[in-house]
Amino acid sequence: AMLSKVALYGMVFIYGAAGVVHLVHPEAYLPVMPPYLPYHMELIYLSGVIELLLAVCLLIPSLRALAAWGVILLLIAVTPAHIHHLQDYYSKDHPYLWATILRLPMQVVLIWWAWLYTKPAKAKASKLL
């Protein structure tokens, strides 16, 4: 149970912090945005607000499973941007190409982590850890 709580609060921290950074330093995310998407700044702000909302909802037992599914959907939704970023860094022989490569399998880990909390409140994610 303790590991489950630590994992939950870690996830809350990650999405809460990411949400704040999206809102405070949106320009940091501009290079990640694929050119085929319109309204780059608006989408960055929107994702920040969504991340903050999901972080708060993860803390509320009755909303946790729904928020976990929201995290999974968000992670899937941003994957094309991560692929674009990788392709961009690859084409420029960027020194941080390795980070964009590592981020893709990390998406799978983050999706699994969120999936642990998709069970209704009475089911214990700690049984899965």
N, C-alpha and C. Protein backbone atom coordinates (compact mmCIF):
# COMPACT_ATOMS: atom_id res chain seq x y z
N ALA A 1 0.83 -1.20 0.00
CA ALA A 1 0.00 0.00 0.00
C ALA A 1 0.86 1.25 0.00
N MET A 2 1.98 1.21 0.74
CA MET A 2 2.86 2.37 0.80
C MET A 2 3.48 2.66 -0.57
N LEU A 3 3.93 1.60 -1.26
CA LEU A 3 4.51 1.76 -2.59
C LEU A 3 3.48 2.35 -3.56
N SER A 4 2.23 1.89 -3.42
CA SER A 4 1.16 2.39 -4.28
C SER A 4 0.94 3.89 -4.05
N LYS A 5 0.97 4.32 -2.80
CA LYS A 5 0.79 5.75 -2.49
C LYS A 5 1.97 6.58 -3.01
N VAL A 6 3.18 6.06 -2.83
CA VAL A 6 4.37 6.77 -3.33
C VAL A 6 4.29 6.90 -4.85
N ALA A 7 3.89 5.80 -5.52
CA ALA A 7 3.77 5.83 -6.98
C ALA A 7 2.69 6.83 -7.41
N LEU A 8 1.57 6.84 -6.69
CA LEU A 8 0.49 7.77 -7.01
C LEU A 8 0.95 9.22 -6.85
N TYR A 9 1.57 9.52 -5.71
CA TYR A 9 2.02 10.90 -5.48
C TYR A 9 3.12 11.29 -6.45
N GLY A 10 3.94 10.32 -6.86
CA GLY A 10 4.95 10.60 -7.88
C GLY A 10 4.31 11.00 -9.20
N MET A 11 3.26 10.26 -9.56
CA MET A 11 2.55 10.57 -10.80
C MET A 11 1.87 11.94 -10.70
N VAL A 12 1.27 12.23 -9.56
CA VAL A 12 0.64 13.54 -9.35
C VAL A 12 1.67 14.64 -9.50
N PHE A 13 2.85 14.44 -8.90
CA PHE A 13 3.91 15.44 -8.98
C PHE A 13 4.35 15.66 -10.43
N ILE A 14 4.56 14.57 -11.16
CA ILE A 14 5.04 14.67 -12.54
C ILE A 14 4.06 15.46 -13.41
N TYR A 15 2.76 15.12 -13.33
CA TYR A 15 1.79 15.81 -14.19
C TYR A 15 1.49 17.22 -13.69
N GLY A 16 1.53 17.40 -12.38
CA GLY A 16 1.36 18.75 -11.84
C GLY A 16 2.50 19.66 -12.26
N ALA A 17 3.72 19.17 -12.12
CA ALA A 17 4.90 19.97 -12.51
C ALA A 17 4.91 20.22 -14.01
N ALA A 18 4.60 19.19 -14.79
CA ALA A 18 4.56 19.37 -16.25
C ALA A 18 3.51 20.42 -16.63
N GLY A 19 2.36 20.38 -15.96
CA GLY A 19 1.31 21.36 -16.24
C GLY A 19 1.77 22.77 -15.95
N VAL A 20 2.45 22.95 -14.82
CA VAL A 20 2.96 24.28 -14.46
C VAL A 20 3.98 24.75 -15.49
N VAL A 21 4.89 23.87 -15.88
CA VAL A 21 5.91 24.26 -16.86
C VAL A 21 5.28 24.62 -18.20
N HIS A 22 4.25 23.87 -18.62
CA HIS A 22 3.55 24.21 -19.86
C HIS A 22 2.97 25.62 -19.80
N LEU A 23 2.48 26.01 -18.62
CA LEU A 23 1.84 27.32 -18.48
C LEU A 23 2.85 28.45 -18.26
N VAL A 24 3.94 28.17 -17.56
CA VAL A 24 4.92 29.20 -17.22
C VAL A 24 5.97 29.39 -18.31
N HIS A 25 6.36 28.29 -18.96
CA HIS A 25 7.38 28.34 -20.02
C HIS A 25 6.89 27.61 -21.28
N PRO A 26 5.80 28.07 -21.86
CA PRO A 26 5.25 27.37 -23.03
C PRO A 26 6.22 27.33 -24.20
N GLU A 27 7.08 28.34 -24.30
CA GLU A 27 8.02 28.39 -25.42
C GLU A 27 8.95 27.18 -25.45
N ALA A 28 9.17 26.55 -24.31
CA ALA A 28 10.04 25.37 -24.26
C ALA A 28 9.45 24.20 -25.06
N TYR A 29 8.14 24.22 -25.26
CA TYR A 29 7.47 23.13 -25.96
C TYR A 29 7.26 23.40 -27.45
N LEU A 30 7.55 24.60 -27.89
CA LEU A 30 7.34 24.93 -29.31
C LEU A 30 8.13 24.02 -30.26
N PRO A 31 9.39 23.67 -29.95
CA PRO A 31 10.12 22.79 -30.88
C PRO A 31 9.50 21.40 -31.02
N VAL A 32 8.70 21.00 -30.06
CA VAL A 32 8.09 19.67 -30.08
C VAL A 32 6.85 19.65 -30.98
N MET A 33 6.27 20.80 -31.20
CA MET A 33 5.01 20.88 -31.93
C MET A 33 5.19 20.57 -33.43
N PRO A 34 4.44 19.59 -33.92
CA PRO A 34 4.51 19.28 -35.36
C PRO A 34 3.93 20.43 -36.18
N PRO A 35 4.51 20.71 -37.34
CA PRO A 35 4.04 21.83 -38.16
C PRO A 35 2.61 21.64 -38.67
N TYR A 36 2.14 20.40 -38.73
CA TYR A 36 0.78 20.16 -39.24
C TYR A 36 -0.32 20.50 -38.23
N LEU A 37 0.07 20.77 -36.98
CA LEU A 37 -0.93 21.18 -35.98
C LEU A 37 -1.04 22.70 -35.95
N PRO A 38 -2.25 23.22 -35.91
CA PRO A 38 -2.42 24.68 -35.79
C PRO A 38 -2.37 25.10 -34.32
N TYR A 39 -2.34 26.38 -34.07
CA TYR A 39 -2.48 26.94 -32.73
C TYR A 39 -1.52 26.34 -31.71
N HIS A 40 -0.23 26.39 -32.02
CA HIS A 40 0.77 25.77 -31.15
C HIS A 40 0.70 26.25 -29.70
N MET A 41 0.72 27.56 -29.49
CA MET A 41 0.72 28.06 -28.11
C MET A 41 -0.57 27.67 -27.39
N GLU A 42 -1.68 27.76 -28.08
CA GLU A 42 -2.95 27.40 -27.45
C GLU A 42 -2.98 25.93 -27.04
N LEU A 43 -2.44 25.06 -27.90
CA LEU A 43 -2.39 23.63 -27.57
C LEU A 43 -1.44 23.36 -26.40
N ILE A 44 -0.35 24.10 -26.34
CA ILE A 44 0.59 23.95 -25.22
C ILE A 44 -0.09 24.37 -23.92
N TYR A 45 -0.76 25.50 -23.93
CA TYR A 45 -1.49 25.93 -22.73
C TYR A 45 -2.58 24.93 -22.36
N LEU A 46 -3.31 24.47 -23.35
CA LEU A 46 -4.38 23.50 -23.09
C LEU A 46 -3.82 22.23 -22.45
N SER A 47 -2.71 21.74 -22.98
CA SER A 47 -2.14 20.52 -22.39
C SER A 47 -1.68 20.77 -20.96
N GLY A 48 -1.18 21.96 -20.68
CA GLY A 48 -0.79 22.30 -19.31
C GLY A 48 -1.98 22.29 -18.36
N VAL A 49 -3.08 22.87 -18.80
CA VAL A 49 -4.30 22.90 -17.98
C VAL A 49 -4.82 21.47 -17.78
N ILE A 50 -4.79 20.67 -18.82
CA ILE A 50 -5.25 19.27 -18.72
C ILE A 50 -4.36 18.51 -17.74
N GLU A 51 -3.05 18.70 -17.82
CA GLU A 51 -2.14 18.00 -16.90
C GLU A 51 -2.41 18.39 -15.45
N LEU A 52 -2.64 19.67 -15.22
CA LEU A 52 -2.95 20.11 -13.85
C LEU A 52 -4.27 19.52 -13.36
N LEU A 53 -5.28 19.53 -14.22
CA LEU A 53 -6.57 18.95 -13.86
C LEU A 53 -6.45 17.45 -13.55
N LEU A 54 -5.71 16.75 -14.38
CA LEU A 54 -5.53 15.31 -14.16
C LEU A 54 -4.78 15.06 -12.86
N ALA A 55 -3.76 15.87 -12.57
CA ALA A 55 -3.00 15.71 -11.33
C ALA A 55 -3.92 15.86 -10.12
N VAL A 56 -4.76 16.88 -10.14
CA VAL A 56 -5.70 17.10 -9.02
C VAL A 56 -6.69 15.93 -8.93
N CYS A 57 -7.23 15.52 -10.06
CA CYS A 57 -8.22 14.44 -10.05
C CYS A 57 -7.63 13.11 -9.61
N LEU A 58 -6.34 12.89 -9.84
CA LEU A 58 -5.69 11.67 -9.37
C LEU A 58 -5.70 11.60 -7.84
N LEU A 59 -5.75 12.75 -7.19
CA LEU A 59 -5.76 12.79 -5.72
C LEU A 59 -7.13 12.49 -5.13
N ILE A 60 -8.17 12.52 -5.94
CA ILE A 60 -9.53 12.32 -5.47
C ILE A 60 -9.93 10.88 -5.78
N PRO A 61 -10.07 10.04 -4.74
CA PRO A 61 -10.32 8.61 -4.98
C PRO A 61 -11.46 8.32 -5.95
N SER A 62 -12.55 9.07 -5.86
CA SER A 62 -13.69 8.80 -6.74
C SER A 62 -13.42 9.19 -8.20
N LEU A 63 -12.41 10.02 -8.44
CA LEU A 63 -12.07 10.46 -9.80
C LEU A 63 -10.78 9.83 -10.32
N ARG A 64 -10.09 9.08 -9.46
CA ARG A 64 -8.75 8.57 -9.78
C ARG A 64 -8.74 7.71 -11.04
N ALA A 65 -9.66 6.76 -11.14
CA ALA A 65 -9.66 5.87 -12.31
C ALA A 65 -9.91 6.67 -13.59
N LEU A 66 -10.86 7.58 -13.56
CA LEU A 66 -11.14 8.42 -14.73
C LEU A 66 -9.92 9.27 -15.08
N ALA A 67 -9.29 9.84 -14.07
CA ALA A 67 -8.09 10.66 -14.31
C ALA A 67 -6.96 9.82 -14.90
N ALA A 68 -6.82 8.58 -14.41
CA ALA A 68 -5.77 7.70 -14.94
C ALA A 68 -6.01 7.42 -16.43
N TRP A 69 -7.27 7.18 -16.80
CA TRP A 69 -7.59 7.00 -18.22
C TRP A 69 -7.30 8.29 -18.99
N GLY A 70 -7.55 9.43 -18.37
CA GLY A 70 -7.23 10.72 -19.00
C GLY A 70 -5.73 10.86 -19.25
N VAL A 71 -4.93 10.44 -18.27
CA VAL A 71 -3.48 10.48 -18.43
C VAL A 71 -3.07 9.59 -19.61
N ILE A 72 -3.64 8.40 -19.68
CA ILE A 72 -3.32 7.48 -20.78
C ILE A 72 -3.67 8.12 -22.12
N LEU A 73 -4.85 8.71 -22.22
CA LEU A 73 -5.26 9.36 -23.47
C LEU A 73 -4.34 10.53 -23.82
N LEU A 74 -3.96 11.30 -22.81
CA LEU A 74 -3.05 12.42 -23.05
C LEU A 74 -1.70 11.92 -23.56
N LEU A 75 -1.18 10.87 -22.93
CA LEU A 75 0.11 10.33 -23.36
C LEU A 75 0.05 9.81 -24.79
N ILE A 76 -1.05 9.19 -25.16
CA ILE A 76 -1.22 8.73 -26.54
C ILE A 76 -1.33 9.93 -27.48
N ALA A 77 -2.07 10.94 -27.07
CA ALA A 77 -2.29 12.13 -27.91
C ALA A 77 -1.00 12.89 -28.20
N VAL A 78 -0.07 12.92 -27.26
CA VAL A 78 1.17 13.68 -27.47
C VAL A 78 2.27 12.87 -28.16
N THR A 79 2.04 11.58 -28.35
CA THR A 79 3.07 10.74 -28.97
C THR A 79 3.48 11.23 -30.37
N PRO A 80 2.55 11.64 -31.23
CA PRO A 80 2.99 12.16 -32.55
C PRO A 80 3.93 13.37 -32.41
N ALA A 81 3.71 14.21 -31.42
CA ALA A 81 4.61 15.35 -31.21
C ALA A 81 6.00 14.86 -30.80
N HIS A 82 6.05 13.82 -29.97
CA HIS A 82 7.34 13.27 -29.56
C HIS A 82 8.07 12.64 -30.75
N ILE A 83 7.31 11.99 -31.62
CA ILE A 83 7.90 11.40 -32.83
C ILE A 83 8.44 12.52 -33.74
N HIS A 84 7.66 13.58 -33.88
CA HIS A 84 8.11 14.74 -34.68
C HIS A 84 9.41 15.30 -34.10
N HIS A 85 9.46 15.44 -32.79
CA HIS A 85 10.64 15.98 -32.12
C HIS A 85 11.85 15.09 -32.38
N LEU A 86 11.67 13.78 -32.30
CA LEU A 86 12.75 12.83 -32.57
C LEU A 86 13.23 13.00 -34.02
N GLN A 87 12.31 13.06 -34.96
CA GLN A 87 12.68 13.21 -36.37
C GLN A 87 13.43 14.51 -36.61
N ASP A 88 12.98 15.57 -35.96
CA ASP A 88 13.62 16.88 -36.09
C ASP A 88 15.05 16.82 -35.55
N TYR A 89 15.22 16.25 -34.36
CA TYR A 89 16.55 16.15 -33.76
C TYR A 89 17.45 15.23 -34.60
N TYR A 90 16.89 14.17 -35.15
CA TYR A 90 17.66 13.26 -35.99
C TYR A 90 18.17 13.99 -37.24
N SER A 91 17.28 14.75 -37.88
CA SER A 91 17.66 15.46 -39.11
C SER A 91 18.72 16.53 -38.86
N LYS A 92 18.76 17.05 -37.63
CA LYS A 92 19.73 18.10 -37.28
C LYS A 92 20.95 17.54 -36.56
N ASP A 93 21.01 16.22 -36.40
CA ASP A 93 22.10 15.57 -35.65
C ASP A 93 22.27 16.26 -34.29
N HIS A 94 21.15 16.50 -33.62
CA HIS A 94 21.12 17.22 -32.35
C HIS A 94 21.78 16.39 -31.25
N PRO A 95 22.56 17.04 -30.38
CA PRO A 95 23.24 16.28 -29.31
C PRO A 95 22.27 15.62 -28.30
N TYR A 96 21.04 16.07 -28.23
CA TYR A 96 20.07 15.46 -27.31
C TYR A 96 19.09 14.51 -28.02
N LEU A 97 19.50 14.04 -29.20
CA LEU A 97 18.69 13.05 -29.91
C LEU A 97 18.39 11.85 -29.01
N TRP A 98 19.36 11.44 -28.22
CA TRP A 98 19.18 10.28 -27.33
C TRP A 98 17.98 10.46 -26.41
N ALA A 99 17.74 11.68 -25.94
CA ALA A 99 16.62 11.93 -25.03
C ALA A 99 15.28 11.75 -25.74
N THR A 100 15.23 12.16 -27.01
CA THR A 100 13.97 12.00 -27.75
C THR A 100 13.73 10.53 -28.09
N ILE A 101 14.81 9.77 -28.25
CA ILE A 101 14.68 8.32 -28.49
C ILE A 101 14.19 7.62 -27.22
N LEU A 102 14.77 7.97 -26.09
CA LEU A 102 14.38 7.35 -24.81
C LEU A 102 12.95 7.69 -24.41
N ARG A 103 12.49 8.85 -24.85
CA ARG A 103 11.15 9.29 -24.44
C ARG A 103 10.05 8.37 -24.97
N LEU A 104 10.25 7.78 -26.13
CA LEU A 104 9.20 6.93 -26.71
C LEU A 104 8.94 5.67 -25.88
N PRO A 105 9.96 4.88 -25.51
CA PRO A 105 9.66 3.76 -24.62
C PRO A 105 9.20 4.23 -23.24
N MET A 106 9.64 5.42 -22.83
CA MET A 106 9.19 5.96 -21.54
C MET A 106 7.69 6.23 -21.57
N GLN A 107 7.15 6.57 -22.75
CA GLN A 107 5.70 6.75 -22.87
C GLN A 107 4.97 5.47 -22.49
N VAL A 108 5.52 4.33 -22.91
CA VAL A 108 4.91 3.04 -22.60
C VAL A 108 4.92 2.81 -21.09
N VAL A 109 6.04 3.12 -20.44
CA VAL A 109 6.14 2.98 -18.98
C VAL A 109 5.14 3.90 -18.29
N LEU A 110 5.03 5.14 -18.76
CA LEU A 110 4.09 6.09 -18.15
C LEU A 110 2.64 5.65 -18.35
N ILE A 111 2.34 5.06 -19.49
CA ILE A 111 0.99 4.54 -19.74
C ILE A 111 0.71 3.38 -18.79
N TRP A 112 1.68 2.48 -18.63
CA TRP A 112 1.51 1.36 -17.70
C TRP A 112 1.29 1.87 -16.27
N TRP A 113 2.08 2.86 -15.89
CA TRP A 113 1.99 3.45 -14.55
C TRP A 113 0.59 4.00 -14.32
N ALA A 114 0.07 4.74 -15.27
CA ALA A 114 -1.28 5.29 -15.13
C ALA A 114 -2.32 4.17 -15.13
N TRP A 115 -2.10 3.14 -15.95
CA TRP A 115 -3.05 2.03 -16.03
C TRP A 115 -3.24 1.36 -14.67
N LEU A 116 -2.20 1.37 -13.84
CA LEU A 116 -2.31 0.77 -12.50
C LEU A 116 -3.43 1.40 -11.68
N TYR A 117 -3.81 2.61 -12.02
CA TYR A 117 -4.83 3.35 -11.26
C TYR A 117 -6.16 3.45 -12.00
N THR A 118 -6.34 2.64 -13.05
CA THR A 118 -7.60 2.69 -13.80
C THR A 118 -8.69 1.83 -13.18
N LYS A 119 -8.35 1.09 -12.16
CA LYS A 119 -9.34 0.24 -11.50
C LYS A 119 -10.24 1.11 -10.61
N PRO A 120 -11.47 0.70 -10.39
CA PRO A 120 -12.34 1.44 -9.49
C PRO A 120 -11.70 1.59 -8.11
N ALA A 121 -12.14 2.58 -7.36
CA ALA A 121 -11.53 2.96 -6.08
C ALA A 121 -11.35 1.77 -5.13
N LYS A 122 -12.26 0.79 -5.15
CA LYS A 122 -12.13 -0.30 -4.19
C LYS A 122 -11.04 -1.30 -4.56
N ALA A 123 -10.66 -1.36 -5.85
CA ALA A 123 -9.55 -2.23 -6.25
C ALA A 123 -8.23 -1.54 -5.87
N LYS A 124 -7.26 -2.33 -5.50
CA LYS A 124 -5.99 -1.76 -5.05
C LYS A 124 -4.92 -1.87 -6.13
N ALA A 125 -4.40 -0.74 -6.54
CA ALA A 125 -3.32 -0.74 -7.52
C ALA A 125 -2.07 -1.39 -6.92
N SER A 126 -1.94 -1.37 -5.60
CA SER A 126 -0.74 -1.92 -4.97
C SER A 126 -0.59 -3.43 -5.25
N LYS A 127 -1.68 -4.13 -5.54
CA LYS A 127 -1.61 -5.55 -5.87
C LYS A 127 -0.88 -5.75 -7.19
N LEU A 128 -0.86 -4.73 -8.02
CA LEU A 128 -0.23 -4.83 -9.32
C LEU A 128 1.23 -4.42 -9.29
N LEU A 129 1.66 -3.79 -8.22
CA LEU A 129 3.04 -3.31 -8.14
C LEU A 129 3.95 -4.37 -7.58
